[in-house]
């Protein structure tokens, strides 16, 4: 990689990070097929989850994890899973600093989901 390319890549990374800090209401989504794992942290919230697929007579997706509110600001932390196909979304909520909520979701016929952390 040339120094110009490295400089351009570093500048673009800085722009993306600055935009995330400016709008900061959602962590990067875990938009992956099974297996997938993520531990995002944003101002006022953090979470951890794992996605895994089980193949039996019918396939299904399992998402296990937790969400925690980390700031006493009157807002809540949310993790939302939006499966790729017909299953409805699910959301786990934690309110008040230090509160952590565990979640376990099963989605029949799915192989992945977009999972996001946000504060509202």
C-alpha atoms as a PDB file:
ATOM      1  CA  UNK A   1       0.000   0.000   0.000  1.00  0.00           C
ATOM      2  CA  UNK A   2       1.408   3.401  -0.950  1.00  0.00           C
ATOM      3  CA  UNK A   3       1.639   6.244   1.547  1.00  0.00           C
ATOM      4  CA  UNK A   4      -1.093   8.151  -0.341  1.00  0.00           C
ATOM      5  CA  UNK A   5      -3.396   5.129  -0.117  1.00  0.00           C
ATOM      6  CA  UNK A   6      -2.624   4.708   3.603  1.00  0.00           C
ATOM      7  CA  UNK A   7      -3.282   8.403   4.232  1.00  0.00           C
ATOM      8  CA  UNK A   8      -6.569   8.259   2.318  1.00  0.00           C
ATOM      9  CA  UNK A   9      -7.646   5.114   4.181  1.00  0.00           C
ATOM     10  CA  UNK A  10      -6.799   6.727   7.539  1.00  0.00           C
ATOM     11  CA  UNK A  11      -8.734   9.877   6.618  1.00  0.00           C
ATOM     12  CA  UNK A  12     -11.812   7.871   5.565  1.00  0.00           C
ATOM     13  CA  UNK A  13     -11.671   5.873   8.806  1.00  0.00           C
ATOM     14  CA  UNK A  14     -11.527   9.129  10.768  1.00  0.00           C
ATOM     15  CA  UNK A  15     -14.550  10.481   8.906  1.00  0.00           C
ATOM     16  CA  UNK A  16     -16.569   7.321   9.562  1.00  0.00           C
ATOM     17  CA  UNK A  17     -15.615   7.326  13.266  1.00  0.00           C
ATOM     18  CA  UNK A  18     -16.419  11.027  13.610  1.00  0.00           C
ATOM     19  CA  UNK A  19     -19.826  10.508  12.000  1.00  0.00           C
ATOM     20  CA  UNK A  20     -20.513   7.629  14.398  1.00  0.00           C
ATOM     21  CA  UNK A  21     -19.526   9.761  17.380  1.00  0.00           C
ATOM     22  CA  UNK A  22     -21.682  12.633  16.151  1.00  0.00           C
ATOM     23  CA  UNK A  23     -24.823  10.576  15.658  1.00  0.00           C
ATOM     24  CA  UNK A  24     -23.856   7.860  18.198  1.00  0.00           C
ATOM     25  CA  UNK A  25     -27.267   6.279  18.701  1.00  0.00           C
ATOM     26  CA  UNK A  26     -26.509   2.902  17.154  1.00  0.00           C
ATOM     27  CA  UNK A  27     -23.596   0.547  17.245  1.00  0.00           C
ATOM     28  CA  UNK A  28     -22.538  -1.264  14.111  1.00  0.00           C
ATOM     29  CA  UNK A  29     -24.969  -4.021  13.261  1.00  0.00           C
ATOM     30  CA  UNK A  30     -23.980  -7.609  13.398  1.00  0.00           C
ATOM     31  CA  UNK A  31     -25.150  -8.426   9.891  1.00  0.00           C
ATOM     32  CA  UNK A  32     -23.634 -11.840   9.549  1.00  0.00           C
ATOM     33  CA  UNK A  33     -24.719 -15.350   8.866  1.00  0.00           C
ATOM     34  CA  UNK A  34     -24.170 -17.946  11.566  1.00  0.00           C
ATOM     35  CA  UNK A  35     -22.078 -18.109  13.560  1.00  0.00           C
ATOM     36  CA  UNK A  36     -21.579 -14.481  14.546  1.00  0.00           C
ATOM     37  CA  UNK A  37     -20.659 -12.637  17.722  1.00  0.00           C
ATOM     38  CA  UNK A  38     -20.446  -8.968  18.718  1.00  0.00           C
ATOM     39  CA  UNK A  39     -19.651  -6.855  21.809  1.00  0.00           C
ATOM     40  CA  UNK A  40     -20.541  -3.249  20.895  1.00  0.00           C
ATOM     41  CA  UNK A  41     -20.204  -0.282  23.248  1.00  0.00           C
ATOM     42  CA  UNK A  42     -21.687   3.164  22.722  1.00  0.00           C
ATOM     43  CA  UNK A  43     -22.198   6.138  25.026  1.00  0.00           C
ATOM     44  CA  UNK A  44     -24.734   4.960  27.598  1.00  0.00           C
ATOM     45  CA  UNK A  45     -24.897   1.296  26.599  1.00  0.00           C
ATOM     46  CA  UNK A  46     -23.041  -1.888  25.940  1.00  0.00           C
ATOM     47  CA  UNK A  47     -24.055  -5.370  24.876  1.00  0.00           C
ATOM     48  CA  UNK A  48     -22.845  -8.776  23.871  1.00  0.00           C
ATOM     49  CA  UNK A  49     -24.540 -11.406  21.704  1.00  0.00           C
ATOM     50  CA  UNK A  50     -23.871 -14.595  19.792  1.00  0.00           C
ATOM     51  CA  UNK A  51     -25.804 -15.863  16.796  1.00  0.00           C
ATOM     52  CA  UNK A  52     -25.821 -19.563  15.986  1.00  0.00           C
ATOM     53  CA  UNK A  53     -27.801 -21.689  13.584  1.00  0.00           C
ATOM     54  CA  UNK A  54     -29.198 -25.086  14.430  1.00  0.00           C
ATOM     55  CA  UNK A  55     -29.900 -27.484  11.600  1.00  0.00           C
ATOM     56  CA  UNK A  56     -32.492 -30.089  12.430  1.00  0.00           C
ATOM     57  CA  UNK A  57     -35.784 -30.995  10.761  1.00  0.00           C
ATOM     58  CA  UNK A  58     -36.230 -27.233  10.276  1.00  0.00           C
ATOM     59  CA  UNK A  59     -33.462 -24.687  10.546  1.00  0.00           C
ATOM     60  CA  UNK A  60     -33.555 -22.037  13.215  1.00  0.00           C
ATOM     61  CA  UNK A  61     -31.453 -19.161  14.486  1.00  0.00           C
ATOM     62  CA  UNK A  62     -30.624 -18.657  18.159  1.00  0.00           C
ATOM     63  CA  UNK A  63     -29.391 -15.323  19.520  1.00  0.00           C
ATOM     64  CA  UNK A  64     -28.203 -15.225  23.137  1.00  0.00           C
ATOM     65  CA  UNK A  65     -26.821 -12.174  24.889  1.00  0.00           C
ATOM     66  CA  UNK A  66     -27.283  -9.213  27.179  1.00  0.00           C
ATOM     67  CA  UNK A  67     -27.775  -5.454  27.039  1.00  0.00           C
ATOM     68  CA  UNK A  68     -26.731  -2.992  29.755  1.00  0.00           C
ATOM     69  CA  UNK A  69     -27.568   0.664  30.417  1.00  0.00           C
ATOM     70  CA  UNK A  70     -24.301   2.304  31.487  1.00  0.00           C
ATOM     71  CA  UNK A  71     -25.258   5.930  32.057  1.00  0.00           C
ATOM     72  CA  UNK A  72     -27.709   7.635  34.431  1.00  0.00           C
ATOM     73  CA  UNK A  73     -29.287   9.858  31.779  1.00  0.00           C
ATOM     74  CA  UNK A  74     -32.967   8.916  31.765  1.00  0.00           C
ATOM     75  CA  UNK A  75     -32.542   6.936  28.552  1.00  0.00           C
ATOM     76  CA  UNK A  76     -32.594   3.175  27.958  1.00  0.00           C
ATOM     77  CA  UNK A  77     -30.346   0.740  26.103  1.00  0.00           C
ATOM     78  CA  UNK A  78     -31.897  -1.479  23.420  1.00  0.00           C
ATOM     79  CA  UNK A  79     -30.715  -4.476  21.410  1.00  0.00           C
ATOM     80  CA  UNK A  80     -32.919  -5.257  18.426  1.00  0.00           C
ATOM     81  CA  UNK A  81     -32.667  -8.316  16.180  1.00  0.00           C
ATOM     82  CA  UNK A  82     -34.204  -8.101  12.719  1.00  0.00           C
ATOM     83  CA  UNK A  83     -34.101 -11.554  11.068  1.00  0.00           C
ATOM     84  CA  UNK A  84     -33.403 -11.737   7.355  1.00  0.00           C
ATOM     85  CA  UNK A  85     -36.761 -13.212   6.317  1.00  0.00           C
ATOM     86  CA  UNK A  86     -40.294 -13.471   7.724  1.00  0.00           C
ATOM     87  CA  UNK A  87     -39.744 -13.595  11.482  1.00  0.00           C
ATOM     88  CA  UNK A  88     -40.741 -10.509  13.494  1.00  0.00           C
ATOM     89  CA  UNK A  89     -38.077  -8.378  15.159  1.00  0.00           C
ATOM     90  CA  UNK A  90     -37.308  -8.773  18.854  1.00  0.00           C
ATOM     91  CA  UNK A  91     -35.989  -6.154  21.292  1.00  0.00           C
ATOM     92  CA  UNK A  92     -34.396  -6.368  24.740  1.00  0.00           C
ATOM     93  CA  UNK A  93     -34.410  -3.232  26.917  1.00  0.00           C
ATOM     94  CA  UNK A  94     -32.335  -2.164  29.930  1.00  0.00           C
ATOM     95  CA  UNK A  95     -33.121   1.078  31.762  1.00  0.00           C
ATOM     96  CA  UNK A  96     -31.251   2.801  34.618  1.00  0.00           C
ATOM     97  CA  UNK A  97     -27.498   2.786  34.964  1.00  0.00           C
ATOM     98  CA  UNK A  98     -26.059  -0.615  35.811  1.00  0.00           C
ATOM     99  CA  UNK A  99     -29.157  -2.584  34.793  1.00  0.00           C
ATOM    100  CA  UNK A 100     -28.346  -5.576  32.578  1.00  0.00           C
ATOM    101  CA  UNK A 101     -30.967  -7.684  30.813  1.00  0.00           C
ATOM    102  CA  UNK A 102     -30.264 -11.108  29.336  1.00  0.00           C
ATOM    103  CA  UNK A 103     -32.061 -12.336  26.235  1.00  0.00           C
ATOM    104  CA  UNK A 104     -32.522 -15.614  24.396  1.00  0.00           C
ATOM    105  CA  UNK A 105     -34.344 -15.555  21.066  1.00  0.00           C
ATOM    106  CA  UNK A 106     -35.165 -18.353  18.641  1.00  0.00           C
ATOM    107  CA  UNK A 107     -36.266 -17.721  15.067  1.00  0.00           C
ATOM    108  CA  UNK A 108     -37.526 -20.661  12.971  1.00  0.00           C
ATOM    109  CA  UNK A 109     -36.410 -20.846   9.361  1.00  0.00           C
ATOM    110  CA  UNK A 110     -33.769 -18.111   9.700  1.00  0.00           C
ATOM    111  CA  UNK A 111     -30.022 -18.209   9.081  1.00  0.00           C
ATOM    112  CA  UNK A 112     -29.006 -14.757  10.317  1.00  0.00           C
ATOM    113  CA  UNK A 113     -30.194 -11.372  11.507  1.00  0.00           C
ATOM    114  CA  UNK A 114     -29.175  -7.738  11.705  1.00  0.00           C
ATOM    115  CA  UNK A 115     -28.599  -7.047  15.395  1.00  0.00           C
ATOM    116  CA  UNK A 116     -28.131  -3.488  16.688  1.00  0.00           C
ATOM    117  CA  UNK A 117     -27.437  -1.690  19.952  1.00  0.00           C
ATOM    118  CA  UNK A 118     -28.936   1.770  20.483  1.00  0.00           C
ATOM    119  CA  UNK A 119     -29.832   4.277  23.211  1.00  0.00           C
ATOM    120  CA  UNK A 120     -33.098   6.206  23.259  1.00  0.00           C
END
